[in-house]
Amino acid sequence: MRSKVVAGLAGVTPRALRHYHQIGLLPEPFRDRNGYRRYAVPDLIRLLRIKGLAAAGVTLADIPSFLESRGAPADDLLDALDKQLLDQIGQLEQQRALVARLRNGIHAPGAGTELAEPFRVLSDGRSESSNAAWREQLTLFSHLLGREDLAKLYAIYERMADQSEEFLALGRKFDALGPDSNAKHIDDLAGEYAGHFRDMVAEFRDVFLVSDKMAILKLVRAHTLNSVNDSQRKMLLAVASRMR
């Protein structure tokens, strides 16, 4: 068989065939008087085995161990390959879960999944601008905090979700603040916020007590104040003043 024929039967390209020769996976067959390679059935069988092993994820460097031996070295390589594939399956499952969250509109690209469920509960009926700002904060948290700190934040937001009716009512009042909101209305709402959030804000600050995390907290505060209108900004500053 000529190169083109054996490559076609094996389902590989002539270029791949030449590469296998170059790296020693496939021995050079004899050549006819015109210099063309002539392949026999054993060459085709070896080529099919090479293709099958490569399709299973075996590296070209490891394939000779399978071709030449069926003993312990091949078994060890199969164990390592199986573990690698299990890890890849786990990563793919995580990606599928993320795609599902994106499809359901409860997650933001770039944000981790840890805080997505409390966000789904606490975003119900909130304004799009508020939810967009919160999604952006989740992105900051997910990438800048470690797993232990994210678990602490999750616990805080989970408790908020357990009291979602109260917090959603406050959030909707906050969303309604605008140019027509007077000072008394803003101050009264600041008092309600301070009363409901005092303990949780203290816990929230504890997550960032380590000096290298204070910069993250400052980023989040700046982002929050830049994501709201003037009346909402005044209310948040009033809340912060009451909690000092």
Protein backbone atom coordinates (compact mmCIF):
# COMPACT_ATOMS: atom_id res chain seq x y z
CA MET A 1 0.00 0.00 0.00
CA ARG A 2 1.17 3.51 -0.77
CA SER A 3 1.24 6.24 1.90
CA LYS A 4 -1.98 7.85 0.73
CA VAL A 5 -3.84 4.54 0.83
CA VAL A 6 -2.68 3.44 4.29
CA ALA A 7 -3.32 6.92 5.70
CA GLY A 8 -6.84 6.88 4.25
CA LEU A 9 -7.62 3.44 5.69
CA ALA A 10 -6.39 4.50 9.13
CA GLY A 11 -8.16 7.86 9.03
CA VAL A 12 -5.00 9.94 9.49
CA THR A 13 -3.37 12.54 7.30
CA PRO A 14 -0.21 11.84 5.27
CA ARG A 15 1.43 14.56 7.35
CA ALA A 16 0.61 12.67 10.58
CA LEU A 17 1.95 9.49 8.99
CA ARG A 18 5.26 11.21 8.22
CA HIS A 19 5.40 12.60 11.76
CA TYR A 20 4.96 9.13 13.27
CA HIS A 21 7.93 7.98 11.19
CA GLN A 22 10.03 10.96 12.27
CA ILE A 23 9.50 10.34 16.00
CA GLY A 24 9.96 6.60 15.72
CA LEU A 25 6.41 5.50 16.48
CA LEU A 26 5.98 3.87 13.11
CA PRO A 27 8.99 2.10 11.62
CA GLU A 28 9.93 3.03 8.08
CA PRO A 29 8.56 0.46 5.59
CA PHE A 30 10.57 -0.72 2.65
CA ARG A 31 10.63 1.49 -0.44
CA ASP A 32 10.08 0.45 -4.01
CA ARG A 33 12.55 1.15 -6.81
CA ASN A 34 10.99 4.60 -7.27
CA GLY A 35 11.58 5.49 -3.63
CA TYR A 36 7.94 5.31 -2.55
CA ARG A 37 7.08 3.78 0.82
CA ARG A 38 5.20 0.48 0.61
CA TYR A 39 3.13 -0.50 3.65
CA ALA A 40 1.99 -3.99 4.65
CA VAL A 41 -0.94 -5.05 6.83
CA PRO A 42 1.17 -5.11 10.06
CA ASP A 43 2.06 -1.45 9.39
CA LEU A 44 -1.64 -0.61 9.07
CA ILE A 45 -2.44 -2.47 12.31
CA ARG A 46 0.28 -0.58 14.21
CA LEU A 47 -0.96 2.71 12.73
CA LEU A 48 -4.53 1.93 13.82
CA ARG A 49 -3.32 1.17 17.36
CA ILE A 50 -1.38 4.46 17.45
CA LYS A 51 -4.48 6.34 16.35
CA GLY A 52 -6.67 4.57 18.93
CA LEU A 53 -4.26 5.26 21.79
CA ALA A 54 -3.94 8.91 20.80
CA ALA A 55 -7.75 9.18 20.68
CA ALA A 56 -7.86 7.81 24.25
CA GLY A 57 -5.61 10.66 25.38
CA VAL A 58 -2.31 8.79 25.54
CA THR A 59 0.55 11.13 24.64
CA LEU A 60 2.74 10.26 21.68
CA ALA A 61 5.68 9.92 24.08
CA ASP A 62 3.82 7.25 26.10
CA ILE A 63 2.38 5.29 23.19
CA PRO A 64 5.49 3.06 22.77
CA SER A 65 4.90 1.64 26.28
CA PHE A 66 1.51 0.39 25.12
CA LEU A 67 2.72 -0.87 21.77
CA GLU A 68 5.64 -2.82 23.14
CA SER A 69 4.30 -4.06 26.48
CA ARG A 70 1.04 -4.97 28.22
CA GLY A 71 2.58 -5.14 31.67
CA ALA A 72 2.89 -2.83 34.67
CA PRO A 73 4.22 0.26 32.84
CA ALA A 74 1.13 0.35 30.63
CA ASP A 75 -1.14 -0.20 33.64
CA ASP A 76 0.48 2.68 35.53
CA LEU A 77 0.05 4.94 32.53
CA LEU A 78 -3.60 3.93 32.23
CA ASP A 79 -4.18 4.70 35.92
CA ALA A 80 -2.63 8.15 35.48
CA LEU A 81 -4.65 8.78 32.32
CA ASP A 82 -7.87 7.69 34.03
CA LYS A 83 -7.24 10.13 36.90
CA GLN A 84 -6.51 12.91 34.43
CA LEU A 85 -9.76 12.21 32.59
CA LEU A 86 -11.72 12.17 35.86
CA ASP A 87 -10.28 15.60 36.70
CA GLN A 88 -11.27 16.86 33.26
CA ILE A 89 -14.79 15.47 33.71
CA GLY A 90 -15.05 17.34 37.02
CA GLN A 91 -13.97 20.57 35.34
CA LEU A 92 -16.47 20.04 32.53
CA GLU A 93 -19.26 19.44 35.04
CA GLN A 94 -18.38 22.71 36.76
CA GLN A 95 -18.47 24.46 33.38
CA ARG A 96 -21.88 22.96 32.62
CA ALA A 97 -23.20 24.19 35.97
CA LEU A 98 -21.87 27.67 35.17
CA VAL A 99 -23.51 27.60 31.73
CA ALA A 100 -26.81 26.64 33.38
CA ARG A 101 -26.52 29.58 35.78
CA LEU A 102 -25.74 31.93 32.91
CA ARG A 103 -28.72 30.58 30.98
CA ASN A 104 -30.99 31.17 33.97
CA GLY A 105 -29.71 34.73 34.36
CA ILE A 106 -28.48 34.23 37.94
CA HIS A 107 -24.81 34.52 37.27
CA ALA A 108 -22.37 36.95 35.74
CA PRO A 109 -19.51 36.02 33.41
CA GLY A 110 -16.31 36.16 35.43
CA ALA A 111 -18.08 35.68 38.76
CA GLY A 112 -17.65 32.51 40.78
CA THR A 113 -20.54 30.22 41.61
CA GLU A 114 -20.17 30.41 45.41
CA LEU A 115 -22.50 33.39 45.93
CA ALA A 116 -24.83 32.82 43.00
CA GLU A 117 -27.70 31.19 44.89
CA PRO A 118 -28.09 33.90 47.57
CA PHE A 119 -27.83 36.46 44.77
CA ARG A 120 -30.69 34.78 42.92
CA VAL A 121 -32.93 35.06 45.99
CA LEU A 122 -31.94 38.59 46.96
CA SER A 123 -32.11 40.01 43.42
CA ASP A 124 -35.79 39.21 42.92
CA GLY A 125 -37.65 42.37 41.98
CA ARG A 126 -34.61 44.61 42.39
CA SER A 127 -33.71 47.18 39.77
CA GLU A 128 -31.47 46.12 36.91
CA SER A 129 -28.84 48.69 37.92
CA SER A 130 -28.68 47.32 41.47
CA ASN A 131 -28.43 43.73 40.27
CA ALA A 132 -25.78 44.67 37.71
CA ALA A 133 -23.70 46.38 40.42
CA TRP A 134 -24.02 43.36 42.67
CA ARG A 135 -22.98 40.98 39.88
CA GLU A 136 -19.89 43.11 39.34
CA GLN A 137 -19.09 42.92 43.05
CA LEU A 138 -19.45 39.13 42.94
CA THR A 139 -16.86 39.14 40.17
CA LEU A 140 -14.46 41.11 42.39
CA PHE A 141 -15.05 38.83 45.37
CA SER A 142 -14.75 35.61 43.39
CA HIS A 143 -11.39 36.51 41.89
CA LEU A 144 -9.76 38.46 44.71
CA LEU A 145 -10.77 36.44 47.79
CA GLY A 146 -9.78 32.92 48.80
CA ARG A 147 -12.15 30.02 49.33
CA GLU A 148 -12.26 30.48 53.12
CA ASP A 149 -13.23 34.14 52.85
CA LEU A 150 -15.82 33.37 50.17
CA ALA A 151 -17.35 30.82 52.54
CA LYS A 152 -17.68 33.54 55.20
CA LEU A 153 -19.35 35.87 52.72
CA TYR A 154 -21.66 33.08 51.60
CA ALA A 155 -22.76 32.54 55.21
CA ILE A 156 -23.59 36.25 55.54
CA TYR A 157 -25.55 36.40 52.28
CA GLU A 158 -27.26 33.10 53.09
CA ARG A 159 -28.65 34.59 56.31
CA MET A 160 -29.84 37.58 54.32
CA ALA A 161 -31.54 35.22 51.88
CA ASP A 162 -33.27 33.48 54.81
CA GLN A 163 -34.81 36.87 55.64
CA SER A 164 -35.27 37.77 52.02
CA GLU A 165 -38.66 39.50 52.37
CA GLU A 166 -37.27 42.09 54.78
CA PHE A 167 -34.10 42.69 52.81
CA LEU A 168 -35.89 42.79 49.47
CA ALA A 169 -38.34 45.37 50.87
CA LEU A 170 -35.42 47.54 51.98
CA GLY A 171 -33.66 47.03 48.65
CA ARG A 172 -36.70 48.12 46.69
CA LYS A 173 -36.98 51.25 48.82
CA PHE A 174 -33.33 51.93 48.05
CA ASP A 175 -33.94 51.42 44.31
CA ALA A 176 -36.79 53.94 44.45
CA LEU A 177 -34.54 56.74 45.72
CA GLY A 178 -34.03 59.43 43.11
CA PRO A 179 -34.04 63.17 42.39
CA ASP A 180 -37.40 63.65 44.17
CA SER A 181 -36.29 61.99 47.40
CA ASN A 182 -36.10 64.54 50.25
CA ALA A 183 -33.53 64.58 53.06
CA LYS A 184 -35.94 63.18 55.68
CA HIS A 185 -36.86 60.24 53.44
CA ILE A 186 -33.19 59.49 52.83
CA ASP A 187 -32.33 59.76 56.54
CA ASP A 188 -35.25 57.55 57.60
CA LEU A 189 -34.22 54.86 55.15
CA ALA A 190 -30.62 55.11 56.36
CA GLY A 191 -31.91 54.41 59.88
CA GLU A 192 -33.79 51.32 58.69
CA TYR A 193 -30.73 50.06 56.85
CA ALA A 194 -28.46 50.62 59.84
CA GLY A 195 -30.84 48.72 62.10
CA HIS A 196 -31.12 45.71 59.81
CA PHE A 197 -27.54 45.52 58.58
CA ARG A 198 -25.47 46.51 61.64
CA ASP A 199 -24.49 42.98 62.72
CA MET A 200 -23.93 41.77 59.18
CA VAL A 201 -21.79 44.78 58.28
CA ALA A 202 -19.59 44.03 61.27
CA GLU A 203 -19.16 40.43 60.05
CA PHE A 204 -18.56 41.69 56.54
CA ARG A 205 -15.75 43.95 57.78
CA ASP A 206 -14.18 41.05 59.69
CA VAL A 207 -13.59 39.24 56.39
CA PHE A 208 -11.37 42.12 55.28
CA LEU A 209 -9.52 42.84 58.53
CA VAL A 210 -6.22 41.49 57.22
CA SER A 211 -4.31 44.41 55.76
CA ASP A 212 -3.86 42.94 52.28
CA LYS A 213 -7.64 42.61 51.96
CA MET A 214 -8.48 46.15 52.99
CA ALA A 215 -7.60 47.26 49.47
CA ILE A 216 -10.33 44.90 48.19
CA LEU A 217 -12.86 46.42 50.59
CA LYS A 218 -11.93 49.91 49.43
CA LEU A 219 -12.40 48.83 45.82
CA VAL A 220 -15.86 47.45 46.59
CA ARG A 221 -16.87 50.60 48.50
CA ALA A 222 -15.71 52.83 45.65
CA HIS A 223 -17.52 50.65 43.13
CA THR A 224 -20.72 50.80 45.20
CA LEU A 225 -20.69 54.58 45.48
CA ASN A 226 -19.96 54.94 41.76
CA SER A 227 -22.83 52.62 40.82
CA VAL A 228 -25.68 54.60 42.42
CA ASN A 229 -27.46 57.93 41.95
CA ASP A 230 -26.96 60.97 44.18
CA SER A 231 -29.83 60.19 46.59
CA GLN A 232 -28.72 56.60 46.97
CA ARG A 233 -25.14 57.73 47.57
CA LYS A 234 -26.29 60.11 50.31
CA MET A 235 -28.23 57.28 51.94
CA LEU A 236 -25.25 54.91 51.89
CA LEU A 237 -22.98 57.56 53.38
CA ALA A 238 -25.56 58.21 56.09
CA VAL A 239 -25.67 54.48 56.88
CA ALA A 240 -21.88 54.36 57.11
CA SER A 241 -21.90 57.38 59.45
CA ARG A 242 -24.43 55.68 61.77
CA MET A 243 -22.31 52.53 61.98
CA ARG A 244 -19.04 54.18 63.03
